[in-house]
Each structure stands twice: as structure tokens, then as C-alpha cells.
Amino acid sequence: MKHKKTPRRKLVEKLDKLWSQEVRKKMPRCIVCGATTNLNSHHAIVRKAQSLGVRWIVDNGVTLYPLSTNYIVTGKQIGRAH
């Protein structure tokens, strides 16, 4: 059975989406490969560090192309970035 989202959860999801959009506006290119399409927003300081109050700070965000994300995480390049 699916649980109803609480008003707080809905707000958090909305703020996450807005943060992501603002990061991609501020940084329209992947920081690794320079791609300009299919970008994802990522936290420079992980968002689980909420106690630091950085989850929705746009300056804490970077944009990465999906294959570049893999490179950042594993250190191995897979395929062409774009």
C-alpha cells in the first residue's frame, strides 16, 4: 500500500527540484566534460550533511553529465561523454 506524502515531504521534494534547476541555470556545462545537455545536479558537499545547512544552497551544487558522474565516483571513464 502506497503511503500519502506528508506536506513536509512534498515541500522537500519541491525545494530539491528548484535547487536542481537553479544549479543547472548557474552551471550550464558539465564540470568534467563540458556537455551542455542531459545534465544532472549534484551536491559538492553531500546533502545528507543537512546539519551543515547546505542542502539547498545553490553554490553547493555542480552539474555533471551522467557518464561524468560515473567518472567522479569510480575514477574510471566509461564510453564517450557525449
C-alpha atoms as a PDB file:
ATOM      1  CA  MET A   1       0.000   0.000   0.000  1.00  0.00           C
ATOM      2  CA  LYS A   2       1.344   3.376  -1.005  1.00  0.00           C
ATOM      3  CA  HIS A   3       1.613   5.979   1.740  1.00  0.00           C
ATOM      4  CA  LYS A   4       0.381   9.508   1.244  1.00  0.00           C
ATOM      5  CA  LYS A   5       3.123  12.093   1.102  1.00  0.00           C
ATOM      6  CA  THR A   6       3.137  14.456   4.024  1.00  0.00           C
ATOM      7  CA  PRO A   7       3.056  18.214   3.391  1.00  0.00           C
ATOM      8  CA  ARG A   8       6.649  18.380   4.647  1.00  0.00           C
ATOM      9  CA  ARG A   9       7.793  15.659   2.224  1.00  0.00           C
ATOM     10  CA  LYS A  10       6.071  17.454  -0.672  1.00  0.00           C
ATOM     11  CA  LEU A  11       7.828  20.696   0.262  1.00  0.00           C
ATOM     12  CA  VAL A  12      11.234  18.973   0.486  1.00  0.00           C
ATOM     13  CA  GLU A  13      10.741  17.434  -2.964  1.00  0.00           C
ATOM     14  CA  LYS A  14       9.723  20.810  -4.402  1.00  0.00           C
ATOM     15  CA  LEU A  15      12.776  22.510  -2.868  1.00  0.00           C
ATOM     16  CA  ASP A  16      15.070  19.748  -4.199  1.00  0.00           C
ATOM     17  CA  LYS A  17      13.667  20.241  -7.707  1.00  0.00           C
ATOM     18  CA  LEU A  18      14.035  24.040  -7.524  1.00  0.00           C
ATOM     19  CA  TRP A  19      17.600  23.689  -6.246  1.00  0.00           C
ATOM     20  CA  SER A  20      18.451  21.376  -9.147  1.00  0.00           C
ATOM     21  CA  GLN A  21      17.000  23.780 -11.706  1.00  0.00           C
ATOM     22  CA  GLU A  22      18.908  26.732 -10.251  1.00  0.00           C
ATOM     23  CA  VAL A  23      22.205  24.815 -10.206  1.00  0.00           C
ATOM     24  CA  ARG A  24      21.755  23.914 -13.892  1.00  0.00           C
ATOM     25  CA  LYS A  25      20.978  27.568 -14.714  1.00  0.00           C
ATOM     26  CA  LYS A  26      24.099  28.720 -12.898  1.00  0.00           C
ATOM     27  CA  MET A  27      26.334  25.995 -14.386  1.00  0.00           C
ATOM     28  CA  PRO A  28      25.068  25.142 -17.874  1.00  0.00           C
ATOM     29  CA  ARG A  29      28.012  22.810 -18.625  1.00  0.00           C
ATOM     30  CA  CYS A  30      29.310  19.576 -17.106  1.00  0.00           C
ATOM     31  CA  ILE A  31      32.327  20.372 -14.928  1.00  0.00           C
ATOM     32  CA  VAL A  32      34.158  17.271 -16.257  1.00  0.00           C
ATOM     33  CA  CYS A  33      33.443  17.029 -19.989  1.00  0.00           C
ATOM     34  CA  GLY A  34      31.733  20.318 -20.880  1.00  0.00           C
ATOM     35  CA  ALA A  35      28.498  18.702 -22.102  1.00  0.00           C
ATOM     36  CA  THR A  36      25.509  21.037 -22.230  1.00  0.00           C
ATOM     37  CA  THR A  37      22.643  18.541 -22.494  1.00  0.00           C
ATOM     38  CA  ASN A  38      21.232  15.846 -20.204  1.00  0.00           C
ATOM     39  CA  LEU A  39      22.904  17.382 -17.141  1.00  0.00           C
ATOM     40  CA  ASN A  40      22.287  16.332 -13.562  1.00  0.00           C
ATOM     41  CA  SER A  41      22.754  18.486 -10.480  1.00  0.00           C
ATOM     42  CA  HIS A  42      24.883  17.118  -7.676  1.00  0.00           C
ATOM     43  CA  HIS A  43      25.909  18.385  -4.264  1.00  0.00           C
ATOM     44  CA  ALA A  44      29.553  19.284  -3.742  1.00  0.00           C
ATOM     45  CA  ILE A  45      29.031  18.611  -0.028  1.00  0.00           C
ATOM     46  CA  VAL A  46      26.657  15.667   0.226  1.00  0.00           C
ATOM     47  CA  ARG A  47      23.093  16.632   1.019  1.00  0.00           C
ATOM     48  CA  LYS A  48      22.977  14.118   3.869  1.00  0.00           C
ATOM     49  CA  ALA A  49      25.109  16.631   5.742  1.00  0.00           C
ATOM     50  CA  GLN A  50      21.925  18.582   6.406  1.00  0.00           C
ATOM     51  CA  SER A  51      23.234  19.602   9.783  1.00  0.00           C
ATOM     52  CA  LEU A  52      25.660  21.836   7.890  1.00  0.00           C
ATOM     53  CA  GLY A  53      22.698  23.614   6.299  1.00  0.00           C
ATOM     54  CA  VAL A  54      23.978  23.213   2.735  1.00  0.00           C
ATOM     55  CA  ARG A  55      21.264  21.101   1.107  1.00  0.00           C
ATOM     56  CA  TRP A  56      19.564  23.929  -0.829  1.00  0.00           C
ATOM     57  CA  ILE A  57      22.467  26.338  -1.235  1.00  0.00           C
ATOM     58  CA  VAL A  58      22.962  26.746  -4.983  1.00  0.00           C
ATOM     59  CA  ASP A  59      26.696  27.380  -4.543  1.00  0.00           C
ATOM     60  CA  ASN A  60      26.939  23.846  -3.139  1.00  0.00           C
ATOM     61  CA  GLY A  61      25.855  22.404  -6.494  1.00  0.00           C
ATOM     62  CA  VAL A  62      27.682  21.246  -9.602  1.00  0.00           C
ATOM     63  CA  THR A  63      26.430  19.934 -12.924  1.00  0.00           C
ATOM     64  CA  LEU A  64      27.551  16.603 -14.319  1.00  0.00           C
ATOM     65  CA  TYR A  65      26.792  14.611 -17.453  1.00  0.00           C
ATOM     66  CA  PRO A  66      25.714  11.056 -16.462  1.00  0.00           C
ATOM     67  CA  LEU A  67      28.923   9.374 -17.677  1.00  0.00           C
ATOM     68  CA  SER A  68      30.994  12.057 -15.980  1.00  0.00           C
ATOM     69  CA  THR A  69      29.176  11.248 -12.733  1.00  0.00           C
ATOM     70  CA  ASN A  70      30.467   7.693 -13.045  1.00  0.00           C
ATOM     71  CA  TYR A  71      33.977   9.044 -13.595  1.00  0.00           C
ATOM     72  CA  ILE A  72      33.763  11.183 -10.450  1.00  0.00           C
ATOM     73  CA  VAL A  73      32.508   8.240  -8.366  1.00  0.00           C
ATOM     74  CA  THR A  74      34.752   5.450  -9.692  1.00  0.00           C
ATOM     75  CA  GLY A  75      37.684   7.274 -11.283  1.00  0.00           C
ATOM     76  CA  LYS A  76      37.125   5.232 -14.456  1.00  0.00           C
ATOM     77  CA  GLN A  77      35.874   6.676 -17.715  1.00  0.00           C
ATOM     78  CA  ILE A  78      33.240   4.580 -19.473  1.00  0.00           C
ATOM     79  CA  GLY A  79      32.397   5.260 -23.111  1.00  0.00           C
ATOM     80  CA  ARG A  80      32.156   8.678 -24.653  1.00  0.00           C
ATOM     81  CA  ALA A  81      30.863  11.505 -22.505  1.00  0.00           C
ATOM     82  CA  HIS A  82      28.758  12.889 -25.402  1.00  0.00           C
END
